[in-house]
Amino acid sequence: MPRLDFRPAIQEPVYLVLSRQQVESGDTQEPMAFLQHIVANPDHALEFMGRVSLIVDGYNDDARELFEVPEVRRYIKMLDDQWVYWFFFLSQADDSIKILESCLCDTIEVIPGVASVDLEQMERSLTRHFTALNRLCEALAIPDDINQEISEGVIALIHNSAVQKIEADDYE
C-alpha cells in the first residue's frame, strides 16, 4: 500500500457539509448516512481515507468561531457520539480536525486566531479517536506504517494549532 498522500484530499476532496438548518434542528440523518456508508466496506473506506473535509455552512456571517457557537458544538458532539472514525477520514490538508476537536472540547479564543483548549478534555477526545483509528485500521488490515503516518499527521496538526492550556484565571 502506498504512503499516505494528501493529493486526493487537495485535488479531489469530499465535502461533508453540515448545514445551519441541520445544526439547529439537530438532524444528523443525512451526515450519518454518508459516514456509515464510507465505513460500510473496505473499498469505500480506502477510497475516502484522508479526503473528507468537514464544512459547517451557514455561519459565514457570524463573527464567532465555530467552537463559540453552542448549536455547532452540540451538533458536532451528537455526530461524534454516533461515529468515531474521524481521524481515518478527515483531511489533514485543511482545518477539519481542528474544527472537530475545538468543538468537542471547551475552547476559548485567546486572541484572534489563537484558541485555548481544555487539555484534559482534549486528551480524552484524542484517546477516543486514536483508539477508533487503530480499531478501523486493524479491521481493514491497513499496514501499521500508514496508521502511524495518519496518527503523526493528526498530532502535528494539533501541535501546530497554537493550543494552550486553559487556566482558571482565564475565566475571571
N, C-alpha and C. Protein backbone atom coordinates (compact mmCIF):
# COMPACT_ATOMS: atom_id res chain seq x y z
N MET A 1 0.85 -1.18 0.00
CA MET A 1 0.00 0.00 0.00
C MET A 1 0.90 1.24 0.00
N PRO A 2 0.57 2.25 -0.80
CA PRO A 2 1.42 3.44 -0.87
C PRO A 2 1.37 4.26 0.41
N ARG A 3 2.38 5.10 0.57
CA ARG A 3 2.41 6.01 1.72
C ARG A 3 1.25 6.98 1.62
N LEU A 4 0.86 7.51 2.75
CA LEU A 4 -0.24 8.46 2.82
C LEU A 4 0.05 9.63 1.88
N ASP A 5 -0.92 9.98 1.06
CA ASP A 5 -0.75 11.00 0.04
C ASP A 5 -1.87 12.02 0.18
N PHE A 6 -1.51 13.29 0.34
CA PHE A 6 -2.52 14.33 0.53
C PHE A 6 -3.12 14.82 -0.79
N ARG A 7 -2.55 14.43 -1.92
CA ARG A 7 -3.08 14.92 -3.19
C ARG A 7 -4.56 14.67 -3.38
N PRO A 8 -5.09 13.48 -3.08
CA PRO A 8 -6.54 13.30 -3.24
C PRO A 8 -7.36 14.25 -2.37
N ALA A 9 -6.87 14.54 -1.18
CA ALA A 9 -7.60 15.46 -0.29
C ALA A 9 -7.62 16.87 -0.86
N ILE A 10 -6.58 17.22 -1.60
CA ILE A 10 -6.48 18.55 -2.18
C ILE A 10 -7.12 18.60 -3.56
N GLN A 11 -6.83 17.60 -4.39
CA GLN A 11 -7.32 17.61 -5.76
C GLN A 11 -8.74 17.09 -5.90
N GLU A 12 -9.13 16.16 -5.05
CA GLU A 12 -10.46 15.56 -5.12
C GLU A 12 -11.06 15.43 -3.72
N PRO A 13 -11.24 16.57 -3.04
CA PRO A 13 -11.80 16.48 -1.69
C PRO A 13 -13.25 16.01 -1.72
N VAL A 14 -13.66 15.44 -0.63
CA VAL A 14 -15.05 15.05 -0.44
C VAL A 14 -15.55 15.92 0.71
N TYR A 15 -16.58 16.69 0.44
CA TYR A 15 -17.08 17.63 1.44
C TYR A 15 -18.23 17.04 2.23
N LEU A 16 -18.08 17.02 3.53
CA LEU A 16 -19.17 16.68 4.44
C LEU A 16 -19.70 18.01 4.94
N VAL A 17 -20.79 18.48 4.29
CA VAL A 17 -21.33 19.79 4.59
C VAL A 17 -22.46 19.64 5.61
N LEU A 18 -22.30 20.31 6.72
CA LEU A 18 -23.32 20.35 7.76
C LEU A 18 -24.00 21.71 7.66
N SER A 19 -25.24 21.71 7.26
CA SER A 19 -25.95 22.97 7.05
C SER A 19 -26.41 23.57 8.37
N ARG A 20 -26.62 24.85 8.37
CA ARG A 20 -27.13 25.53 9.56
C ARG A 20 -28.48 24.95 9.96
N GLN A 21 -29.30 24.61 8.97
CA GLN A 21 -30.61 24.02 9.26
C GLN A 21 -30.45 22.68 9.99
N GLN A 22 -29.52 21.83 9.52
CA GLN A 22 -29.27 20.55 10.19
C GLN A 22 -28.76 20.79 11.61
N VAL A 23 -27.83 21.73 11.74
CA VAL A 23 -27.24 22.03 13.04
C VAL A 23 -28.32 22.48 14.02
N GLU A 24 -29.14 23.43 13.59
CA GLU A 24 -30.14 23.99 14.50
C GLU A 24 -31.28 23.04 14.81
N SER A 25 -31.61 22.14 13.86
CA SER A 25 -32.68 21.18 14.10
C SER A 25 -32.17 19.92 14.79
N GLY A 26 -30.84 19.73 14.79
CA GLY A 26 -30.27 18.52 15.38
C GLY A 26 -30.44 17.29 14.51
N ASP A 27 -30.72 17.48 13.23
CA ASP A 27 -30.95 16.38 12.30
C ASP A 27 -29.62 15.83 11.79
N THR A 28 -29.25 14.65 12.28
CA THR A 28 -27.98 14.03 11.88
C THR A 28 -28.17 12.94 10.83
N GLN A 29 -29.38 12.75 10.35
CA GLN A 29 -29.67 11.63 9.46
C GLN A 29 -28.81 11.63 8.19
N GLU A 30 -28.75 12.74 7.48
CA GLU A 30 -28.00 12.79 6.23
C GLU A 30 -26.50 12.61 6.42
N PRO A 31 -25.87 13.38 7.33
CA PRO A 31 -24.44 13.16 7.52
C PRO A 31 -24.12 11.76 8.04
N MET A 32 -24.98 11.22 8.92
CA MET A 32 -24.72 9.88 9.44
C MET A 32 -24.85 8.83 8.34
N ALA A 33 -25.77 9.01 7.41
CA ALA A 33 -25.90 8.07 6.29
C ALA A 33 -24.60 8.06 5.49
N PHE A 34 -24.04 9.25 5.24
CA PHE A 34 -22.78 9.32 4.50
C PHE A 34 -21.65 8.67 5.31
N LEU A 35 -21.54 9.02 6.58
CA LEU A 35 -20.45 8.49 7.41
C LEU A 35 -20.54 6.98 7.54
N GLN A 36 -21.74 6.45 7.69
CA GLN A 36 -21.90 5.00 7.78
C GLN A 36 -21.58 4.32 6.44
N HIS A 37 -21.89 5.02 5.35
CA HIS A 37 -21.58 4.49 4.01
C HIS A 37 -20.08 4.32 3.82
N ILE A 38 -19.30 5.31 4.26
CA ILE A 38 -17.86 5.24 3.98
C ILE A 38 -17.13 4.20 4.83
N VAL A 39 -17.77 3.70 5.88
CA VAL A 39 -17.15 2.61 6.64
C VAL A 39 -17.82 1.27 6.36
N ALA A 40 -18.78 1.27 5.42
CA ALA A 40 -19.57 0.06 5.16
C ALA A 40 -18.74 -1.08 4.59
N ASN A 41 -17.72 -0.76 3.82
CA ASN A 41 -16.85 -1.82 3.30
C ASN A 41 -15.44 -1.27 3.10
N PRO A 42 -14.46 -2.15 3.06
CA PRO A 42 -13.06 -1.71 2.96
C PRO A 42 -12.77 -0.85 1.73
N ASP A 43 -13.40 -1.14 0.60
CA ASP A 43 -13.14 -0.34 -0.61
C ASP A 43 -13.58 1.10 -0.42
N HIS A 44 -14.77 1.29 0.17
CA HIS A 44 -15.24 2.66 0.43
C HIS A 44 -14.30 3.36 1.39
N ALA A 45 -13.92 2.67 2.45
CA ALA A 45 -13.05 3.28 3.46
C ALA A 45 -11.74 3.75 2.83
N LEU A 46 -11.12 2.90 2.04
CA LEU A 46 -9.85 3.27 1.41
C LEU A 46 -10.04 4.40 0.40
N GLU A 47 -11.17 4.41 -0.29
CA GLU A 47 -11.46 5.47 -1.26
C GLU A 47 -11.57 6.84 -0.58
N PHE A 48 -12.11 6.87 0.63
CA PHE A 48 -12.35 8.13 1.32
C PHE A 48 -11.29 8.48 2.36
N MET A 49 -10.29 7.62 2.56
CA MET A 49 -9.25 7.84 3.56
C MET A 49 -8.57 9.20 3.35
N GLY A 50 -8.65 10.05 4.37
CA GLY A 50 -7.96 11.34 4.35
C GLY A 50 -8.52 12.37 3.40
N ARG A 51 -9.70 12.13 2.83
CA ARG A 51 -10.24 13.03 1.80
C ARG A 51 -11.43 13.86 2.25
N VAL A 52 -11.97 13.59 3.42
CA VAL A 52 -13.21 14.24 3.84
C VAL A 52 -12.90 15.57 4.53
N SER A 53 -13.47 16.63 3.97
CA SER A 53 -13.35 17.96 4.56
C SER A 53 -14.65 18.29 5.28
N LEU A 54 -14.54 18.63 6.54
CA LEU A 54 -15.68 18.98 7.37
C LEU A 54 -16.02 20.45 7.18
N ILE A 55 -17.22 20.71 6.69
CA ILE A 55 -17.67 22.08 6.41
C ILE A 55 -18.95 22.33 7.21
N VAL A 56 -18.96 23.39 7.99
CA VAL A 56 -20.18 23.82 8.68
C VAL A 56 -20.63 25.08 7.97
N ASP A 57 -21.73 24.97 7.24
CA ASP A 57 -22.20 26.05 6.38
C ASP A 57 -23.32 26.84 7.04
N GLY A 58 -23.38 28.12 6.74
CA GLY A 58 -24.46 28.96 7.24
C GLY A 58 -24.03 29.89 8.36
N TYR A 59 -22.77 29.82 8.75
CA TYR A 59 -22.26 30.67 9.82
C TYR A 59 -21.18 31.63 9.32
N ASN A 60 -21.11 31.79 8.00
CA ASN A 60 -20.07 32.63 7.40
C ASN A 60 -20.17 34.08 7.85
N ASP A 61 -21.38 34.57 8.09
CA ASP A 61 -21.57 35.96 8.51
C ASP A 61 -21.54 36.12 10.03
N ASP A 62 -21.35 35.04 10.74
CA ASP A 62 -21.28 35.07 12.20
C ASP A 62 -19.83 35.36 12.60
N ALA A 63 -19.63 36.38 13.40
CA ALA A 63 -18.28 36.78 13.80
C ALA A 63 -17.60 35.75 14.70
N ARG A 64 -18.39 34.88 15.31
CA ARG A 64 -17.83 33.90 16.23
C ARG A 64 -17.12 32.78 15.47
N GLU A 65 -16.15 32.18 16.15
CA GLU A 65 -15.55 30.94 15.64
C GLU A 65 -16.59 29.84 15.82
N LEU A 66 -16.50 28.77 15.04
CA LEU A 66 -17.48 27.69 15.13
C LEU A 66 -17.55 27.11 16.54
N PHE A 67 -16.42 27.00 17.23
CA PHE A 67 -16.42 26.44 18.58
C PHE A 67 -17.10 27.36 19.59
N GLU A 68 -17.38 28.60 19.19
CA GLU A 68 -18.07 29.53 20.07
C GLU A 68 -19.59 29.52 19.87
N VAL A 69 -20.05 28.75 18.90
CA VAL A 69 -21.48 28.67 18.61
C VAL A 69 -22.03 27.42 19.30
N PRO A 70 -22.84 27.59 20.35
CA PRO A 70 -23.33 26.44 21.13
C PRO A 70 -24.04 25.38 20.28
N GLU A 71 -24.81 25.80 19.29
CA GLU A 71 -25.53 24.84 18.45
C GLU A 71 -24.57 23.98 17.63
N VAL A 72 -23.49 24.59 17.14
CA VAL A 72 -22.49 23.85 16.37
C VAL A 72 -21.79 22.85 17.27
N ARG A 73 -21.41 23.28 18.46
CA ARG A 73 -20.74 22.37 19.41
C ARG A 73 -21.63 21.18 19.74
N ARG A 74 -22.92 21.45 20.03
CA ARG A 74 -23.85 20.35 20.35
C ARG A 74 -23.97 19.39 19.17
N TYR A 75 -24.07 19.93 17.98
CA TYR A 75 -24.25 19.10 16.79
C TYR A 75 -23.03 18.22 16.52
N ILE A 76 -21.86 18.82 16.59
CA ILE A 76 -20.62 18.05 16.39
C ILE A 76 -20.52 16.95 17.46
N LYS A 77 -20.89 17.26 18.69
CA LYS A 77 -20.87 16.24 19.76
C LYS A 77 -21.87 15.12 19.47
N MET A 78 -23.04 15.50 18.94
CA MET A 78 -24.03 14.46 18.59
C MET A 78 -23.46 13.53 17.52
N LEU A 79 -22.84 14.10 16.49
CA LEU A 79 -22.24 13.26 15.44
C LEU A 79 -21.13 12.38 16.02
N ASP A 80 -20.30 12.98 16.86
CA ASP A 80 -19.18 12.25 17.45
C ASP A 80 -19.66 11.12 18.36
N ASP A 81 -20.79 11.31 19.03
CA ASP A 81 -21.34 10.25 19.86
C ASP A 81 -21.80 9.06 19.02
N GLN A 82 -22.16 9.32 17.77
CA GLN A 82 -22.68 8.27 16.89
C GLN A 82 -21.61 7.65 15.99
N TRP A 83 -20.46 8.34 15.84
CA TRP A 83 -19.44 7.90 14.86
C TRP A 83 -18.09 8.43 15.29
N VAL A 84 -17.08 7.55 15.36
CA VAL A 84 -15.79 7.97 15.95
C VAL A 84 -14.59 7.86 15.01
N TYR A 85 -14.81 7.54 13.77
CA TYR A 85 -13.69 7.22 12.87
C TYR A 85 -13.12 8.43 12.14
N TRP A 86 -13.23 9.60 12.72
CA TRP A 86 -12.84 10.85 12.08
C TRP A 86 -11.40 10.87 11.58
N PHE A 87 -10.47 10.42 12.40
CA PHE A 87 -9.06 10.60 12.06
C PHE A 87 -8.67 9.83 10.80
N PHE A 88 -9.32 8.73 10.52
CA PHE A 88 -9.01 7.96 9.31
C PHE A 88 -9.49 8.71 8.07
N PHE A 89 -10.59 9.43 8.18
CA PHE A 89 -11.23 10.02 7.01
C PHE A 89 -11.01 11.51 6.84
N LEU A 90 -10.89 12.26 7.92
CA LEU A 90 -10.78 13.71 7.78
C LEU A 90 -9.48 14.11 7.11
N SER A 91 -9.60 15.13 6.28
CA SER A 91 -8.44 15.67 5.58
C SER A 91 -7.48 16.31 6.57
N GLN A 92 -6.20 16.09 6.32
CA GLN A 92 -5.17 16.76 7.11
C GLN A 92 -4.65 17.98 6.34
N ALA A 93 -5.28 18.28 5.21
CA ALA A 93 -4.86 19.41 4.38
C ALA A 93 -5.70 20.66 4.65
N ASP A 94 -6.59 20.60 5.63
CA ASP A 94 -7.43 21.75 5.96
C ASP A 94 -7.68 21.78 7.47
N ASP A 95 -8.70 22.52 7.89
CA ASP A 95 -8.96 22.69 9.33
C ASP A 95 -9.98 21.69 9.89
N SER A 96 -10.29 20.63 9.18
CA SER A 96 -11.34 19.71 9.60
C SER A 96 -11.10 19.14 11.00
N ILE A 97 -9.90 18.66 11.26
CA ILE A 97 -9.59 18.07 12.56
C ILE A 97 -9.61 19.14 13.65
N LYS A 98 -9.12 20.31 13.32
CA LYS A 98 -9.15 21.43 14.27
C LYS A 98 -10.59 21.82 14.61
N ILE A 99 -11.45 21.86 13.62
CA ILE A 99 -12.87 22.17 13.85
C ILE A 99 -13.48 21.11 14.77
N LEU A 100 -13.25 19.85 14.44
CA LEU A 100 -13.80 18.75 15.24
C LEU A 100 -13.37 18.87 16.69
N GLU A 101 -12.08 18.90 16.93
CA GLU A 101 -11.57 18.86 18.30
C GLU A 101 -11.91 20.13 19.07
N SER A 102 -11.89 21.29 18.43
CA SER A 102 -12.22 22.52 19.15
C SER A 102 -13.69 22.57 19.54
N CYS A 103 -14.54 21.89 18.77
CA CYS A 103 -15.97 21.84 19.12
C CYS A 103 -16.26 20.78 20.19
N LEU A 104 -15.42 19.77 20.29
CA LEU A 104 -15.64 18.71 21.26
C LEU A 104 -15.08 19.05 22.64
N CYS A 105 -14.19 20.01 22.70
CA CYS A 105 -13.55 20.38 23.96
C CYS A 105 -13.90 21.83 24.30
N ASP A 106 -13.89 22.15 25.59
CA ASP A 106 -14.07 23.54 25.98
C ASP A 106 -12.92 24.34 25.37
N THR A 107 -13.29 25.32 24.57
CA THR A 107 -12.31 26.09 23.82
C THR A 107 -12.68 27.56 23.89
N ILE A 108 -11.69 28.40 24.08
CA ILE A 108 -11.92 29.84 24.03
C ILE A 108 -10.89 30.46 23.10
N GLU A 109 -11.28 31.56 22.48
CA GLU A 109 -10.33 32.29 21.64
C GLU A 109 -9.60 33.28 22.54
N VAL A 110 -8.29 33.13 22.64
CA VAL A 110 -7.47 33.97 23.50
C VAL A 110 -7.23 35.31 22.81
N ILE A 111 -6.77 35.23 21.59
CA ILE A 111 -6.63 36.38 20.70
C ILE A 111 -7.08 35.88 19.34
N PRO A 112 -7.43 36.76 18.43
CA PRO A 112 -7.89 36.28 17.12
C PRO A 112 -6.91 35.27 16.50
N GLY A 113 -7.45 34.11 16.18
CA GLY A 113 -6.64 33.06 15.55
C GLY A 113 -5.94 32.13 16.52
N VAL A 114 -5.99 32.43 17.81
CA VAL A 114 -5.32 31.59 18.81
C VAL A 114 -6.36 31.12 19.82
N ALA A 115 -6.52 29.80 19.90
CA ALA A 115 -7.51 29.21 20.81
C ALA A 115 -6.81 28.52 21.97
N SER A 116 -7.52 28.46 23.07
CA SER A 116 -7.07 27.75 24.25
C SER A 116 -8.07 26.63 24.51
N VAL A 117 -7.58 25.41 24.61
CA VAL A 117 -8.42 24.23 24.72
C VAL A 117 -8.19 23.56 26.07
N ASP A 118 -9.27 23.04 26.67
CA ASP A 118 -9.15 22.27 27.90
C ASP A 118 -8.37 21.00 27.57
N LEU A 119 -7.17 20.90 28.10
CA LEU A 119 -6.27 19.80 27.72
C LEU A 119 -6.74 18.43 28.22
N GLU A 120 -7.42 18.39 29.37
CA GLU A 120 -7.93 17.09 29.85
C GLU A 120 -9.02 16.58 28.91
N GLN A 121 -9.91 17.47 28.48
CA GLN A 121 -10.94 17.06 27.52
C GLN A 121 -10.31 16.66 26.19
N MET A 122 -9.30 17.43 25.77
CA MET A 122 -8.61 17.12 24.52
C MET A 122 -7.95 15.74 24.60
N GLU A 123 -7.33 15.44 25.71
CA GLU A 123 -6.69 14.14 25.87
C GLU A 123 -7.71 13.00 25.76
N ARG A 124 -8.86 13.16 26.41
CA ARG A 124 -9.91 12.14 26.32
C ARG A 124 -10.43 11.99 24.89
N SER A 125 -10.63 13.11 24.23
CA SER A 125 -11.14 13.08 22.86
C SER A 125 -10.12 12.43 21.91
N LEU A 126 -8.87 12.83 22.04
CA LEU A 126 -7.83 12.25 21.18
C LEU A 126 -7.68 10.75 21.43
N THR A 127 -7.72 10.35 22.69
CA THR A 127 -7.61 8.93 23.02
C THR A 127 -8.75 8.16 22.37
N ARG A 128 -9.95 8.68 22.46
CA ARG A 128 -11.12 8.03 21.86
C ARG A 128 -10.97 7.91 20.34
N HIS A 129 -10.52 8.99 19.71
CA HIS A 129 -10.39 8.98 18.25
C HIS A 129 -9.21 8.13 17.78
N PHE A 130 -8.10 8.15 18.51
CA PHE A 130 -6.97 7.31 18.13
C PHE A 130 -7.31 5.82 18.32
N THR A 131 -8.05 5.51 19.39
CA THR A 131 -8.49 4.13 19.60
C THR A 131 -9.36 3.67 18.44
N ALA A 132 -10.28 4.52 18.00
CA ALA A 132 -11.14 4.19 16.87
C ALA A 132 -10.32 4.03 15.59
N LEU A 133 -9.33 4.91 15.40
CA LEU A 133 -8.45 4.80 14.24
C LEU A 133 -7.74 3.46 14.24
N ASN A 134 -7.20 3.08 15.38
CA ASN A 134 -6.48 1.81 15.48
C ASN A 134 -7.41 0.62 15.19
N ARG A 135 -8.62 0.66 15.75
CA ARG A 135 -9.59 -0.43 15.50
C ARG A 135 -9.94 -0.53 14.02
N LEU A 136 -10.19 0.61 13.39
CA LEU A 136 -10.56 0.61 11.98
C LEU A 136 -9.40 0.14 11.11
N CYS A 137 -8.20 0.60 11.40
CA CYS A 137 -7.03 0.16 10.62
C CYS A 137 -6.82 -1.34 10.76
N GLU A 138 -7.03 -1.85 11.96
CA GLU A 138 -6.91 -3.29 12.18
C GLU A 138 -7.98 -4.04 11.40
N ALA A 139 -9.21 -3.56 11.46
CA ALA A 139 -10.32 -4.23 10.76
C ALA A 139 -10.12 -4.20 9.25
N LEU A 140 -9.49 -3.14 8.73
CA LEU A 140 -9.28 -3.00 7.29
C LEU A 140 -7.93 -3.55 6.84
N ALA A 141 -7.16 -4.09 7.79
CA ALA A 141 -5.82 -4.60 7.51
C ALA A 141 -4.92 -3.52 6.89
N ILE A 142 -5.04 -2.30 7.42
CA ILE A 142 -4.19 -1.19 6.99
C ILE A 142 -2.83 -1.39 7.64
N PRO A 143 -1.75 -1.32 6.87
CA PRO A 143 -0.42 -1.50 7.46
C PRO A 143 -0.15 -0.50 8.59
N ASP A 144 0.61 -0.95 9.56
CA ASP A 144 0.93 -0.11 10.72
C ASP A 144 1.60 1.20 10.33
N ASP A 145 2.41 1.19 9.27
CA ASP A 145 3.10 2.43 8.90
C ASP A 145 2.11 3.49 8.39
N ILE A 146 1.03 3.08 7.75
CA ILE A 146 0.01 4.03 7.31
C ILE A 146 -0.74 4.56 8.52
N ASN A 147 -1.10 3.68 9.45
CA ASN A 147 -1.76 4.10 10.68
C ASN A 147 -0.87 5.09 11.43
N GLN A 148 0.40 4.79 11.53
CA GLN A 148 1.34 5.67 12.23
C GLN A 148 1.44 7.01 11.51
N GLU A 149 1.45 7.00 10.19
CA GLU A 149 1.54 8.25 9.43
C GLU A 149 0.30 9.13 9.65
N ILE A 150 -0.86 8.50 9.66
CA ILE A 150 -2.10 9.24 9.94
C ILE A 150 -2.00 9.84 11.34
N SER A 151 -1.61 9.02 12.31
CA SER A 151 -1.52 9.47 13.70
C SER A 151 -0.53 10.61 13.86
N GLU A 152 0.62 10.50 13.25
CA GLU A 152 1.63 11.55 13.36
C GLU A 152 1.14 12.84 12.71
N GLY A 153 0.38 12.72 11.61
CA GLY A 153 -0.19 13.90 10.96
C GLY A 153 -1.18 14.61 11.86
N VAL A 154 -2.03 13.83 12.54
CA VAL A 154 -3.00 14.42 13.46
C VAL A 154 -2.28 15.12 14.60
N ILE A 155 -1.29 14.46 15.17
CA ILE A 155 -0.53 15.05 16.28
C ILE A 155 0.14 16.34 15.83
N ALA A 156 0.72 16.35 14.65
CA ALA A 156 1.37 17.56 14.14
C ALA A 156 0.35 18.69 13.97
N LEU A 157 -0.83 18.35 13.46
CA LEU A 157 -1.88 19.38 13.31
C LEU A 157 -2.26 19.98 14.65
N ILE A 158 -2.40 19.12 15.66
CA ILE A 158 -2.77 19.60 17.00
C ILE A 158 -1.66 20.49 17.56
N HIS A 159 -0.42 20.06 17.42
CA HIS A 159 0.70 20.85 17.95
C HIS A 159 0.84 22.18 17.22
N ASN A 160 0.54 22.21 15.94
CA ASN A 160 0.68 23.43 15.15
C ASN A 160 -0.52 24.36 15.26
N SER A 161 -1.51 23.99 16.06
CA SER A 161 -2.73 24.79 16.17
C SER A 161 -2.69 25.81 17.29
N ALA A 162 -1.53 26.09 17.84
CA ALA A 162 -1.37 27.08 18.91
C ALA A 162 -2.30 26.78 20.07
N VAL A 163 -2.35 25.51 20.47
CA VAL A 163 -3.20 25.11 21.59
C VAL A 163 -2.48 25.46 22.89
N GLN A 164 -3.21 26.11 23.77
CA GLN A 164 -2.67 26.46 25.07
C GLN A 164 -3.62 25.98 26.15
N LYS A 165 -3.10 25.73 27.33
CA LYS A 165 -3.91 25.25 28.44
C LYS A 165 -4.80 26.36 28.98
N ILE A 166 -6.06 26.02 29.27
CA ILE A 166 -6.97 26.96 29.91
C ILE A 166 -6.70 26.92 31.41
N GLU A 167 -6.42 28.07 31.97
CA GLU A 167 -6.19 28.20 33.40
C GLU A 167 -7.44 28.80 34.03
N ALA A 168 -7.66 28.51 35.29
CA ALA A 168 -8.84 29.05 35.99
C ALA A 168 -8.86 30.58 35.94
N ASP A 169 -7.69 31.22 35.98
CA ASP A 169 -7.61 32.68 35.93
C ASP A 169 -8.16 33.25 34.63
N ASP A 170 -8.18 32.44 33.56
CA ASP A 170 -8.68 32.92 32.27
C ASP A 170 -10.15 33.25 32.32
N TYR A 171 -10.87 32.74 33.31
CA TYR A 171 -12.31 32.95 33.39
C TYR A 171 -12.70 34.09 34.31
N GLU A 172 -11.75 34.64 35.02
CA GLU A 172 -12.06 35.68 35.99
C GLU A 172 -12.01 37.05 35.36
